[in-house]
């Protein structure tokens, strides 16, 4: 087994946390969009909302 430097461990940890946040964010948005479709909102409006929400959340994660 290889030793991993503390810097590498920290970088990997930050990457895993970032990816976990993205996955939770996308799942939350998908659930919101599914509900909106069930409530009768148009597919185009729902897609537009989803795109805007992703852009907003990427800015929150410091990636936009």
PDB file of N, CA and C in Angstrom:
ATOM      1  N   UNK A   1       0.843  -1.177   0.000  1.00  0.00           N
ATOM      2  CA  UNK A   1       0.000   0.000   0.000  1.00  0.00           C
ATOM      3  C   UNK A   1       0.891   1.244   0.000  1.00  0.00           C
ATOM      4  N   UNK A   2       0.509   2.249  -0.750  1.00  0.00           N
ATOM      5  CA  UNK A   2       1.297   3.470  -0.866  1.00  0.00           C
ATOM      6  C   UNK A   2       0.857   4.495   0.169  1.00  0.00           C
ATOM      7  N   UNK A   3       1.838   5.213   0.682  1.00  0.00           N
ATOM      8  CA  UNK A   3       1.528   6.331   1.572  1.00  0.00           C
ATOM      9  C   UNK A   3       1.092   7.519   0.731  1.00  0.00           C
ATOM     10  N   UNK A   4       0.060   8.196   1.178  1.00  0.00           N
ATOM     11  CA  UNK A   4      -0.441   9.380   0.480  1.00  0.00           C
ATOM     12  C   UNK A   4      -0.114  10.586   1.356  1.00  0.00           C
ATOM     13  N   UNK A   5       0.483  11.595   0.751  1.00  0.00           N
ATOM     14  CA  UNK A   5       0.865  12.784   1.516  1.00  0.00           C
ATOM     15  C   UNK A   5      -0.372  13.472   2.090  1.00  0.00           C
ATOM     16  N   UNK A   6      -0.149  14.249   3.127  1.00  0.00           N
ATOM     17  CA  UNK A   6      -1.255  14.979   3.761  1.00  0.00           C
ATOM     18  C   UNK A   6      -1.914  15.934   2.772  1.00  0.00           C
ATOM     19  N   UNK A   7      -1.103  16.582   1.924  1.00  0.00           N
ATOM     20  CA  UNK A   7      -1.669  17.496   0.921  1.00  0.00           C
ATOM     21  C   UNK A   7      -2.570  16.751  -0.051  1.00  0.00           C
ATOM     22  N   UNK A   8      -2.118  15.578  -0.475  1.00  0.00           N
ATOM     23  CA  UNK A   8      -2.927  14.781  -1.410  1.00  0.00           C
ATOM     24  C   UNK A   8      -4.214  14.316  -0.748  1.00  0.00           C
ATOM     25  N   UNK A   9      -4.112  13.905   0.504  1.00  0.00           N
ATOM     26  CA  UNK A   9      -5.311  13.477   1.231  1.00  0.00           C
ATOM     27  C   UNK A   9      -6.308  14.619   1.349  1.00  0.00           C
ATOM     28  N   UNK A  10      -5.799  15.811   1.652  1.00  0.00           N
ATOM     29  CA  UNK A  10      -6.685  16.973   1.779  1.00  0.00           C
ATOM     30  C   UNK A  10      -7.339  17.299   0.441  1.00  0.00           C
ATOM     31  N   UNK A  11      -6.560  17.263  -0.629  1.00  0.00           N
ATOM     32  CA  UNK A  11      -7.087  17.563  -1.965  1.00  0.00           C
ATOM     33  C   UNK A  11      -8.156  16.539  -2.366  1.00  0.00           C
ATOM     34  N   UNK A  12      -7.878  15.270  -2.096  1.00  0.00           N
ATOM     35  CA  UNK A  12      -8.844  14.215  -2.405  1.00  0.00           C
ATOM     36  C   UNK A  12     -10.109  14.407  -1.570  1.00  0.00           C
ATOM     37  N   UNK A  13      -9.938  14.739  -0.299  1.00  0.00           N
ATOM     38  CA  UNK A  13     -11.092  14.979   0.572  1.00  0.00           C
ATOM     39  C   UNK A  13     -11.967  16.108   0.069  1.00  0.00           C
ATOM     40  N   UNK A  14     -11.326  17.222  -0.343  1.00  0.00           N
ATOM     41  CA  UNK A  14     -12.102  18.353  -0.877  1.00  0.00           C
ATOM     42  C   UNK A  14     -12.831  17.957  -2.155  1.00  0.00           C
ATOM     43  N   UNK A  15     -12.165  17.178  -3.012  1.00  0.00           N
ATOM     44  CA  UNK A  15     -12.796  16.725  -4.254  1.00  0.00           C
ATOM     45  C   UNK A  15     -14.013  15.852  -3.955  1.00  0.00           C
ATOM     46  N   UNK A  16     -13.871  14.922  -3.018  1.00  0.00           N
ATOM     47  CA  UNK A  16     -14.994  14.044  -2.671  1.00  0.00           C
ATOM     48  C   UNK A  16     -16.160  14.833  -2.086  1.00  0.00           C
ATOM     49  N   UNK A  17     -15.867  15.801  -1.238  1.00  0.00           N
ATOM     50  CA  UNK A  17     -16.927  16.638  -0.666  1.00  0.00           C
ATOM     51  C   UNK A  17     -17.624  17.431  -1.761  1.00  0.00           C
ATOM     52  N   UNK A  18     -16.849  18.001  -2.669  1.00  0.00           N
ATOM     53  CA  UNK A  18     -17.421  18.782  -3.772  1.00  0.00           C
ATOM     54  C   UNK A  18     -18.323  17.912  -4.645  1.00  0.00           C
ATOM     55  N   UNK A  19     -17.847  16.709  -4.977  1.00  0.00           N
ATOM     56  CA  UNK A  19     -18.645  15.813  -5.813  1.00  0.00           C
ATOM     57  C   UNK A  19     -19.911  15.379  -5.086  1.00  0.00           C
ATOM     58  N   UNK A  20     -19.814  15.138  -3.789  1.00  0.00           N
ATOM     59  CA  UNK A  20     -20.982  14.755  -3.000  1.00  0.00           C
ATOM     60  C   UNK A  20     -22.025  15.870  -2.994  1.00  0.00           C
ATOM     61  N   UNK A  21     -21.558  17.125  -2.845  1.00  0.00           N
ATOM     62  CA  UNK A  21     -22.478  18.266  -2.883  1.00  0.00           C
ATOM     63  C   UNK A  21     -23.170  18.349  -4.236  1.00  0.00           C
ATOM     64  N   UNK A  22     -22.415  18.136  -5.309  1.00  0.00           N
ATOM     65  CA  UNK A  22     -22.995  18.198  -6.656  1.00  0.00           C
ATOM     66  C   UNK A  22     -24.063  17.129  -6.834  1.00  0.00           C
ATOM     67  N   UNK A  23     -23.779  15.917  -6.373  1.00  0.00           N
ATOM     68  CA  UNK A  23     -24.740  14.818  -6.514  1.00  0.00           C
ATOM     69  C   UNK A  23     -26.017  15.132  -5.745  1.00  0.00           C
ATOM     70  N   UNK A  24     -25.884  15.605  -4.502  1.00  0.00           N
ATOM     71  CA  UNK A  24     -27.075  15.952  -3.708  1.00  0.00           C
ATOM     72  C   UNK A  24     -27.850  17.084  -4.360  1.00  0.00           C
ATOM     73  N   UNK A  25     -27.135  18.081  -4.890  1.00  0.00           N
ATOM     74  CA  UNK A  25     -27.768  19.223  -5.538  1.00  0.00           C
ATOM     75  C   UNK A  25     -28.576  18.755  -6.752  1.00  0.00           C
ATOM     76  N   UNK A  26     -27.968  17.921  -7.583  1.00  0.00           N
ATOM     77  CA  UNK A  26     -28.653  17.447  -8.789  1.00  0.00           C
ATOM     78  C   UNK A  26     -29.871  16.610  -8.413  1.00  0.00           C
ATOM     79  N   UNK A  27     -29.743  15.753  -7.423  1.00  0.00           N
ATOM     80  CA  UNK A  27     -30.893  14.937  -6.993  1.00  0.00           C
ATOM     81  C   UNK A  27     -32.027  15.815  -6.479  1.00  0.00           C
ATOM     82  N   UNK A  28     -31.686  16.848  -5.736  1.00  0.00           N
ATOM     83  CA  UNK A  28     -32.695  17.772  -5.221  1.00  0.00           C
ATOM     84  C   UNK A  28     -33.396  18.498  -6.364  1.00  0.00           C
ATOM     85  N   UNK A  29     -32.620  18.963  -7.323  1.00  0.00           N
ATOM     86  CA  UNK A  29     -33.206  19.656  -8.474  1.00  0.00           C
ATOM     87  C   UNK A  29     -34.084  18.704  -9.270  1.00  0.00           C
ATOM     88  N   UNK A  30     -33.622  17.466  -9.480  1.00  0.00           N
ATOM     89  CA  UNK A  30     -34.426  16.489 -10.212  1.00  0.00           C
ATOM     90  C   UNK A  30     -35.758  16.245  -9.512  1.00  0.00           C
ATOM     91  N   UNK A  31     -35.741  16.132  -8.194  1.00  0.00           N
ATOM     92  CA  UNK A  31     -36.979  15.913  -7.445  1.00  0.00           C
ATOM     93  C   UNK A  31     -37.915  17.109  -7.595  1.00  0.00           C
ATOM     94  N   UNK A  32     -37.363  18.313  -7.532  1.00  0.00           N
ATOM     95  CA  UNK A  32     -38.168  19.526  -7.702  1.00  0.00           C
ATOM     96  C   UNK A  32     -38.787  19.572  -9.093  1.00  0.00           C
ATOM     97  N   UNK A  33     -37.990  19.226 -10.105  1.00  0.00           N
ATOM     98  CA  UNK A  33     -38.490  19.259 -11.481  1.00  0.00           C
ATOM     99  C   UNK A  33     -39.572  18.203 -11.698  1.00  0.00           C
ATOM    100  N   UNK A  34     -39.378  17.020 -11.131  1.00  0.00           N
ATOM    101  CA  UNK A  34     -40.404  15.976 -11.240  1.00  0.00           C
ATOM    102  C   UNK A  34     -41.717  16.448 -10.630  1.00  0.00           C
ATOM    103  N   UNK A  35     -41.639  17.074  -9.472  1.00  0.00           N
ATOM    104  CA  UNK A  35     -42.842  17.585  -8.814  1.00  0.00           C
ATOM    105  C   UNK A  35     -43.503  18.662  -9.666  1.00  0.00           C
ATOM    106  N   UNK A  36     -42.705  19.567 -10.226  1.00  0.00           N
ATOM    107  CA  UNK A  36     -43.264  20.630 -11.069  1.00  0.00           C
ATOM    108  C   UNK A  36     -44.001  20.044 -12.268  1.00  0.00           C
ATOM    109  N   UNK A  37     -43.432  19.013 -12.880  1.00  0.00           N
ATOM    110  CA  UNK A  37     -44.094  18.373 -14.026  1.00  0.00           C
ATOM    111  C   UNK A  37     -45.424  17.743 -13.579  1.00  0.00           C
ATOM    112  N   UNK A  38     -45.421  17.092 -12.419  1.00  0.00           N
ATOM    113  CA  UNK A  38     -46.638  16.464 -11.910  1.00  0.00           C
ATOM    114  C   UNK A  38     -47.708  17.504 -11.601  1.00  0.00           C
ATOM    115  N   UNK A  39     -47.276  18.703 -11.226  1.00  0.00           N
ATOM    116  CA  UNK A  39     -48.223  19.773 -10.921  1.00  0.00           C
ATOM    117  C   UNK A  39     -48.713  20.495 -12.170  1.00  0.00           C
ATOM    118  N   UNK A  40     -48.197  20.098 -13.334  1.00  0.00           N
ATOM    119  CA  UNK A  40     -48.718  20.624 -14.584  1.00  0.00           C
ATOM    120  C   UNK A  40     -47.931  21.741 -15.233  1.00  0.00           C
ATOM    121  N   UNK A  41     -46.760  22.055 -14.705  1.00  0.00           N
ATOM    122  CA  UNK A  41     -45.948  23.077 -15.371  1.00  0.00           C
ATOM    123  C   UNK A  41     -45.424  22.526 -16.690  1.00  0.00           C
ATOM    124  N   UNK A  42     -45.230  23.403 -17.672  1.00  0.00           N
ATOM    125  CA  UNK A  42     -44.778  22.947 -18.985  1.00  0.00           C
ATOM    126  C   UNK A  42     -43.352  22.414 -18.904  1.00  0.00           C
ATOM    127  N   UNK A  43     -43.050  21.465 -19.780  1.00  0.00           N
ATOM    128  CA  UNK A  43     -41.721  20.866 -19.807  1.00  0.00           C
ATOM    129  C   UNK A  43     -40.651  21.920 -20.077  1.00  0.00           C
ATOM    130  N   UNK A  44     -40.935  22.864 -20.966  1.00  0.00           N
ATOM    131  CA  UNK A  44     -39.952  23.901 -21.291  1.00  0.00           C
ATOM    132  C   UNK A  44     -39.658  24.780 -20.073  1.00  0.00           C
ATOM    133  N   UNK A  45     -40.699  25.158 -19.353  1.00  0.00           N
ATOM    134  CA  UNK A  45     -40.509  25.990 -18.164  1.00  0.00           C
ATOM    135  C   UNK A  45     -39.718  25.235 -17.100  1.00  0.00           C
ATOM    136  N   UNK A  46     -40.018  23.963 -16.951  1.00  0.00           N
ATOM    137  CA  UNK A  46     -39.327  23.150 -15.955  1.00  0.00           C
ATOM    138  C   UNK A  46     -37.853  23.001 -16.322  1.00  0.00           C
ATOM    139  N   UNK A  47     -37.560  22.766 -17.603  1.00  0.00           N
ATOM    140  CA  UNK A  47     -36.166  22.640 -18.044  1.00  0.00           C
ATOM    141  C   UNK A  47     -35.406  23.948 -17.834  1.00  0.00           C
ATOM    142  N   UNK A  48     -36.042  25.055 -18.135  1.00  0.00           N
ATOM    143  CA  UNK A  48     -35.405  26.361 -17.953  1.00  0.00           C
ATOM    144  C   UNK A  48     -35.098  26.601 -16.476  1.00  0.00           C
ATOM    145  N   UNK A  49     -36.059  26.289 -15.627  1.00  0.00           N
ATOM    146  CA  UNK A  49     -35.832  26.428 -14.188  1.00  0.00           C
ATOM    147  C   UNK A  49     -34.646  25.569 -13.752  1.00  0.00           C
ATOM    148  N   UNK A  50     -34.613  24.337 -14.222  1.00  0.00           N
ATOM    149  CA  UNK A  50     -33.525  23.426 -13.857  1.00  0.00           C
ATOM    150  C   UNK A  50     -32.170  23.955 -14.282  1.00  0.00           C
ATOM    151  N   UNK A  51     -32.093  24.487 -15.489  1.00  0.00           N
ATOM    152  CA  UNK A  51     -30.828  25.037 -15.983  1.00  0.00           C
ATOM    153  C   UNK A  51     -30.385  26.225 -15.135  1.00  0.00           C
ATOM    154  N   UNK A  52     -31.316  27.106 -14.818  1.00  0.00           N
ATOM    155  CA  UNK A  52     -30.981  28.270 -13.994  1.00  0.00           C
ATOM    156  C   UNK A  52     -30.557  27.855 -12.586  1.00  0.00           C
ATOM    157  N   UNK A  53     -31.215  26.854 -12.051  1.00  0.00           N
ATOM    158  CA  UNK A  53     -30.875  26.374 -10.707  1.00  0.00           C
ATOM    159  C   UNK A  53     -29.470  25.775 -10.688  1.00  0.00           C
ATOM    160  N   UNK A  54     -29.123  25.024 -11.728  1.00  0.00           N
ATOM    161  CA  UNK A  54     -27.776  24.457 -11.803  1.00  0.00           C
ATOM    162  C   UNK A  54     -26.721  25.554 -11.871  1.00  0.00           C
ATOM    163  N   UNK A  55     -26.973  26.569 -12.682  1.00  0.00           N
ATOM    164  CA  UNK A  55     -26.028  27.685 -12.803  1.00  0.00           C
ATOM    165  C   UNK A  55     -25.871  28.378 -11.449  1.00  0.00           C
ATOM    166  N   UNK A  56     -26.981  28.633 -10.789  1.00  0.00           N
ATOM    167  CA  UNK A  56     -26.952  29.296  -9.480  1.00  0.00           C
ATOM    168  C   UNK A  56     -26.149  28.469  -8.474  1.00  0.00           C
ATOM    169  N   UNK A  57     -26.389  27.164  -8.436  1.00  0.00           N
ATOM    170  CA  UNK A  57     -25.714  26.309  -7.466  1.00  0.00           C
ATOM    171  C   UNK A  57     -24.239  26.138  -7.786  1.00  0.00           C
ATOM    172  N   UNK A  58     -23.861  26.135  -9.062  1.00  0.00           N
ATOM    173  CA  UNK A  58     -22.444  26.068  -9.408  1.00  0.00           C
ATOM    174  C   UNK A  58     -21.728  27.311  -8.899  1.00  0.00           C
ATOM    175  N   UNK A  59     -22.390  28.464  -8.975  1.00  0.00           N
ATOM    176  CA  UNK A  59     -21.804  29.689  -8.423  1.00  0.00           C
ATOM    177  C   UNK A  59     -21.602  29.543  -6.916  1.00  0.00           C
ATOM    178  N   UNK A  60     -22.565  28.918  -6.239  1.00  0.00           N
ATOM    179  CA  UNK A  60     -22.449  28.704  -4.796  1.00  0.00           C
ATOM    180  C   UNK A  60     -21.269  27.801  -4.458  1.00  0.00           C
ATOM    181  N   UNK A  61     -20.966  26.854  -5.355  1.00  0.00           N
ATOM    182  CA  UNK A  61     -19.855  25.939  -5.128  1.00  0.00           C
ATOM    183  C   UNK A  61     -18.526  26.527  -5.586  1.00  0.00           C
ATOM    184  N   UNK A  62     -18.567  27.746  -6.117  1.00  0.00           N
ATOM    185  CA  UNK A  62     -17.346  28.396  -6.564  1.00  0.00           C
ATOM    186  C   UNK A  62     -16.844  27.892  -7.891  1.00  0.00           C
ATOM    187  N   UNK A  63     -17.738  27.339  -8.718  1.00  0.00           N
ATOM    188  CA  UNK A  63     -17.324  26.763  -9.987  1.00  0.00           C
ATOM    189  C   UNK A  63     -17.853  27.515 -11.180  1.00  0.00           C
ATOM    190  N   UNK A  64     -18.700  28.515 -10.953  1.00  0.00           N
ATOM    191  CA  UNK A  64     -19.312  29.228 -12.064  1.00  0.00           C
ATOM    192  C   UNK A  64     -18.553  30.441 -12.488  1.00  0.00           C
TER     193      UNK A  64
END
